[in-house]
Protein backbone atom coordinates (compact mmCIF):
# COMPACT_ATOMS: atom_id res chain seq x y z
CA UNK A 1 -50.86 -3.07 -84.33
CA UNK A 2 -51.86 -4.49 -87.69
CA UNK A 3 -53.87 -3.11 -90.59
CA UNK A 4 -57.57 -3.88 -90.54
CA UNK A 5 -58.61 -7.10 -92.24
CA UNK A 6 -60.55 -6.78 -95.47
CA UNK A 7 -64.31 -6.60 -95.02
CA UNK A 8 -66.05 -9.95 -95.56
CA UNK A 9 -68.02 -10.46 -98.73
CA UNK A 10 -71.67 -9.49 -98.36
CA UNK A 11 -74.05 -12.31 -97.50
CA UNK A 12 -76.54 -13.40 -100.12
CA UNK A 13 -79.59 -11.15 -100.15
CA UNK A 14 -82.37 -13.39 -98.84
CA UNK A 15 -84.95 -10.70 -99.51
CA UNK A 16 -84.48 -11.31 -103.22
CA UNK A 17 -85.95 -14.75 -102.63
CA UNK A 18 -89.25 -13.10 -101.78
CA UNK A 19 -89.29 -11.34 -105.13
CA UNK A 20 -88.41 -14.51 -107.00
CA UNK A 21 -91.12 -16.52 -105.21
CA UNK A 22 -93.72 -13.81 -105.82
CA UNK A 23 -92.72 -13.65 -109.48
CA UNK A 24 -92.99 -17.42 -109.81
CA UNK A 25 -96.47 -17.42 -108.29
CA UNK A 26 -97.52 -14.58 -110.58
CA UNK A 27 -96.27 -16.38 -113.69
CA UNK A 28 -97.97 -19.62 -112.66
CA UNK A 29 -101.27 -17.79 -112.17
CA UNK A 30 -100.82 -16.18 -115.58
CA UNK A 31 -100.44 -19.58 -117.22
CA UNK A 32 -103.44 -20.99 -115.36
CA UNK A 33 -105.51 -17.99 -116.38
CA UNK A 34 -106.61 -16.29 -113.16
CA UNK A 35 -106.75 -12.59 -114.10
CA UNK A 36 -108.13 -11.37 -110.76
CA UNK A 37 -105.32 -13.02 -108.82
CA UNK A 38 -102.64 -11.65 -111.15
CA UNK A 39 -104.20 -8.18 -110.97
CA UNK A 40 -103.91 -8.28 -107.17
CA UNK A 41 -100.31 -9.48 -107.25
CA UNK A 42 -98.95 -7.28 -110.03
CA UNK A 43 -98.67 -4.02 -108.03
CA UNK A 44 -96.63 -5.89 -105.39
CA UNK A 45 -93.89 -7.16 -107.70
CA UNK A 46 -91.64 -4.09 -107.96
CA UNK A 47 -92.03 -3.08 -104.28
CA UNK A 48 -90.91 -6.62 -103.38
CA UNK A 49 -87.82 -6.17 -105.54
CA UNK A 50 -87.13 -2.70 -104.10
CA UNK A 51 -87.42 -4.05 -100.55
CA UNK A 52 -84.47 -6.35 -101.21
CA UNK A 53 -82.14 -3.37 -101.65
CA UNK A 54 -83.11 -1.34 -98.58
CA UNK A 55 -80.43 -2.91 -96.33
CA UNK A 56 -77.82 -2.41 -99.05
CA UNK A 57 -78.42 1.34 -99.33
CA UNK A 58 -78.81 1.10 -103.08
CA UNK A 59 -78.85 4.32 -105.13
CA UNK A 60 -81.98 6.44 -104.88
CA UNK A 61 -82.31 6.32 -108.67
CA UNK A 62 -82.73 2.55 -108.49
CA UNK A 63 -85.59 2.92 -106.01
CA UNK A 64 -87.03 5.62 -108.26
CA UNK A 65 -86.94 3.27 -111.25
CA UNK A 66 -88.69 0.50 -109.34
CA UNK A 67 -91.30 2.84 -107.85
CA UNK A 68 -92.06 4.31 -111.28
CA UNK A 69 -92.33 0.78 -112.67
CA UNK A 70 -94.85 -0.04 -109.94
CA UNK A 71 -96.91 2.96 -111.07
CA UNK A 72 -96.71 1.66 -114.64
CA UNK A 73 -97.68 -1.88 -113.66
CA UNK A 74 -100.68 -0.64 -111.69
CA UNK A 75 -101.92 1.82 -114.33
CA UNK A 76 -101.79 -0.82 -117.08
CA UNK A 77 -104.29 -2.93 -115.15
CA UNK A 78 -107.08 -0.47 -115.98
CA UNK A 79 -106.67 -0.16 -119.76
CA UNK A 80 -108.09 2.66 -121.84
CA UNK A 81 -106.57 6.07 -121.16
CA UNK A 82 -104.64 4.55 -118.26
CA UNK A 83 -102.37 2.90 -120.82
CA UNK A 84 -100.66 6.24 -121.44
CA UNK A 85 -100.33 6.78 -117.68
CA UNK A 86 -98.64 3.40 -117.43
CA UNK A 87 -96.36 4.25 -120.32
CA UNK A 88 -95.46 7.48 -118.53
CA UNK A 89 -94.58 5.56 -115.38
CA UNK A 90 -92.25 3.26 -117.28
CA UNK A 91 -90.77 6.24 -119.16
CA UNK A 92 -89.86 7.75 -115.77
CA UNK A 93 -88.30 4.41 -114.78
CA UNK A 94 -86.11 4.44 -117.87
CA UNK A 95 -85.03 8.02 -117.18
CA UNK A 96 -83.91 6.83 -113.73
CA UNK A 97 -82.03 3.85 -115.16
CA UNK A 98 -80.35 5.91 -117.90
CA UNK A 99 -79.28 8.56 -115.38
CA UNK A 100 -78.00 5.90 -112.98
CA UNK A 101 -75.93 4.12 -115.62
CA UNK A 102 -74.64 7.38 -117.13
CA UNK A 103 -73.49 8.59 -113.73
CA UNK A 104 -71.85 5.20 -113.32
CA UNK A 105 -69.62 5.86 -116.32
CA UNK A 106 -71.59 4.46 -119.26
CA UNK A 107 -70.48 7.29 -121.54
CA UNK A 108 -67.30 8.46 -119.79
CA UNK A 109 -65.13 7.76 -121.65
CA UNK A 110 -66.93 6.89 -124.88
CA UNK A 111 -65.31 3.48 -125.29
CA UNK A 112 -65.65 1.11 -128.22
CA UNK A 113 -68.17 -0.85 -126.17
CA UNK A 114 -70.21 2.31 -125.52
CA UNK A 115 -70.19 3.25 -129.22
CA UNK A 116 -71.27 -0.27 -130.13
CA UNK A 117 -74.09 -0.18 -127.56
CA UNK A 118 -75.39 3.22 -128.65
CA UNK A 119 -75.12 2.48 -132.36
CA UNK A 120 -76.52 -1.03 -132.11
CA UNK A 121 -79.56 -0.09 -130.09
CA UNK A 122 -80.19 2.96 -132.27
CA UNK A 123 -80.46 0.59 -135.23
CA UNK A 124 -82.77 -1.73 -133.25
CA UNK A 125 -85.00 1.21 -132.27
CA UNK A 126 -85.18 2.58 -135.81
CA UNK A 127 -85.97 -0.83 -137.29
CA UNK A 128 -88.64 -1.57 -134.67
CA UNK A 129 -90.44 1.75 -135.14
CA UNK A 130 -90.22 1.55 -138.91
CA UNK A 131 -91.85 -1.87 -138.91
CA UNK A 132 -94.49 -1.07 -136.29
CA UNK A 133 -95.46 2.42 -137.44
CA UNK A 134 -98.00 1.57 -140.17
CA UNK A 135 -99.89 -0.86 -137.92
CA UNK A 136 -99.94 1.14 -134.67
CA UNK A 137 -103.09 3.12 -133.79
CA UNK A 138 -102.57 6.72 -134.90
CA UNK A 139 -102.87 8.07 -131.35
CA UNK A 140 -100.13 5.77 -130.07
CA UNK A 141 -97.50 6.21 -132.76
CA UNK A 142 -95.69 9.19 -131.25
CA UNK A 143 -95.96 7.97 -127.62
CA UNK A 144 -94.66 4.52 -128.58
CA UNK A 145 -91.79 6.01 -130.60
CA UNK A 146 -90.73 8.31 -127.74
CA UNK A 147 -91.11 5.66 -125.06
CA UNK A 148 -89.23 3.05 -127.06
CA UNK A 149 -86.35 5.50 -127.49
CA UNK A 150 -86.01 5.66 -123.70
CA UNK A 151 -86.33 1.88 -123.55
CA UNK A 152 -83.46 1.53 -126.02
CA UNK A 153 -81.52 4.09 -123.98
CA UNK A 154 -81.75 1.90 -120.89
CA UNK A 155 -80.58 -1.12 -122.87
CA UNK A 156 -77.69 0.83 -124.42
CA UNK A 157 -76.42 2.46 -121.22
CA UNK A 158 -76.74 -0.78 -119.25
CA UNK A 159 -74.44 -2.40 -121.82
CA UNK A 160 -72.10 0.58 -122.11
CA UNK A 161 -71.55 0.80 -118.33
CA UNK A 162 -70.19 -2.73 -118.10
CA UNK A 163 -66.55 -3.85 -117.82
CA UNK A 164 -64.35 -3.96 -120.94
CA UNK A 165 -64.85 -7.72 -121.29
CA UNK A 166 -67.78 -9.99 -120.60
CA UNK A 167 -71.51 -9.30 -120.61
CA UNK A 168 -72.67 -7.48 -117.45
CA UNK A 169 -75.81 -8.76 -115.79
CA UNK A 170 -77.58 -5.43 -116.15
CA UNK A 171 -76.96 -5.46 -119.92
CA UNK A 172 -78.90 -8.70 -120.22
CA UNK A 173 -81.60 -7.11 -118.07
CA UNK A 174 -81.84 -4.12 -120.39
CA UNK A 175 -82.14 -6.38 -123.42
CA UNK A 176 -84.89 -8.46 -121.79
CA UNK A 177 -86.84 -5.34 -120.80
CA UNK A 178 -86.66 -4.16 -124.41
CA UNK A 179 -87.82 -7.57 -125.62
CA UNK A 180 -90.75 -7.58 -123.20
CA UNK A 181 -92.03 -4.17 -124.28
CA UNK A 182 -91.44 -5.00 -127.93
CA UNK A 183 -93.82 -7.93 -127.50
CA UNK A 184 -96.40 -5.52 -126.07
CA UNK A 185 -95.87 -3.19 -129.03
CA UNK A 186 -96.53 -6.00 -131.51
CA UNK A 187 -99.84 -6.60 -129.73
CA UNK A 188 -100.73 -2.92 -130.09
CA UNK A 189 -99.98 -3.26 -133.80
CA UNK A 190 -102.24 -6.34 -133.99
CA UNK A 191 -99.43 -8.58 -135.18
CA UNK A 192 -99.74 -12.35 -134.61
CA UNK A 193 -98.89 -13.19 -131.00
CA UNK A 194 -97.04 -16.04 -129.33
CA UNK A 195 -99.09 -18.64 -127.47
CA UNK A 196 -99.47 -17.50 -123.84
CA UNK A 197 -98.20 -14.06 -124.86
CA UNK A 198 -98.87 -12.52 -121.42
CA UNK A 199 -96.65 -15.14 -119.82
CA UNK A 200 -93.69 -14.38 -122.08
CA UNK A 201 -94.17 -10.62 -121.71
CA UNK A 202 -94.10 -10.87 -117.93
CA UNK A 203 -91.33 -13.48 -117.78
CA UNK A 204 -88.96 -11.27 -119.78
CA UNK A 205 -90.05 -8.17 -117.85
CA UNK A 206 -89.59 -9.69 -114.39
CA UNK A 207 -86.24 -11.23 -115.34
CA UNK A 208 -85.13 -7.96 -116.93
CA UNK A 209 -85.98 -5.90 -113.86
CA UNK A 210 -84.23 -8.40 -111.60
CA UNK A 211 -81.04 -8.31 -113.67
CA UNK A 212 -81.09 -4.52 -114.07
CA UNK A 213 -81.65 -3.93 -110.36
CA UNK A 214 -79.16 -6.46 -109.02
CA UNK A 215 -76.56 -5.42 -111.58
CA UNK A 216 -76.99 -1.74 -110.76
CA UNK A 217 -76.89 -2.36 -107.00
CA UNK A 218 -73.75 -4.51 -107.28
CA UNK A 219 -72.01 -1.91 -109.45
CA UNK A 220 -72.92 0.83 -106.99
CA UNK A 221 -71.63 -1.21 -104.08
CA UNK A 222 -68.32 -1.91 -105.83
CA UNK A 223 -67.95 1.78 -106.65
CA UNK A 224 -68.59 2.77 -103.04
CA UNK A 225 -66.10 0.19 -101.75
CA UNK A 226 -63.41 1.30 -104.20
CA UNK A 227 -63.96 4.94 -103.25
CA UNK A 228 -63.65 4.10 -99.55
CA UNK A 229 -60.55 2.00 -100.17
CA UNK A 230 -58.99 4.79 -102.22
CA UNK A 231 -59.61 7.36 -99.50
CA UNK A 232 -58.26 4.98 -96.81
CA UNK A 233 -55.07 4.44 -98.79
CA UNK A 234 -54.32 8.17 -98.55
CA UNK A 235 -54.17 7.99 -94.72
CA UNK A 236 -50.59 7.60 -93.42
CA UNK A 237 -49.77 4.05 -92.36
CA UNK A 238 -49.26 4.86 -88.64
CA UNK A 239 -52.71 6.44 -88.46
CA UNK A 240 -54.27 3.51 -90.30
CA UNK A 241 -52.64 1.12 -87.86
CA UNK A 242 -53.96 3.11 -84.89
CA UNK A 243 -57.50 2.98 -86.25
CA UNK A 244 -57.30 -0.82 -86.51
CA UNK A 245 -56.44 -1.42 -82.87
């Protein structure tokens, strides 16, 4: 009787390919300038990403973040008062991400990395709002300030929840999400825009969501495996051997 062999590494998630292909098609249509086609595809982007994590039993908060993002994507298609509905959807997504990363240890303990993340993104948020405030429409100033605080919170906790060294994938995702929505905010403030601004907004958004979601799912899977391994190690060796035969 021998101890059980370690579980094989998970196979690459082929369902993510569907999201990447759909995103590529969407970005190409954006560059070509086919608004009807992009409007039809946009509500499908986040469900396609969520579908990739169903077999992996990813955390419910991750599915919540992607579902709320889908609500935001869809609402923003209609403009007008729906803009605030879309902002509310994305605010809910950030609450899910912040909760997920906090539960994953982003602020426990409050490491040097966590203090750097919180302080750095607080400065970024304050500078962004200070610069944008005079040029934002009066009715959007408070909503944008509150939403962007949650946006910065996702970026900060995604960085703080990483390992002591190296840049975690989800931290890059949080930064790209912040960049994408900052580009939208400059448009609201009527600042000069990049050529093909919609393309860059969506490229950074889609990449950010991909990195946040895959990083969060991988971290959750590692945590679950380490918990299982820890519990298994408490079982006496003879019993472990009997379970492996």
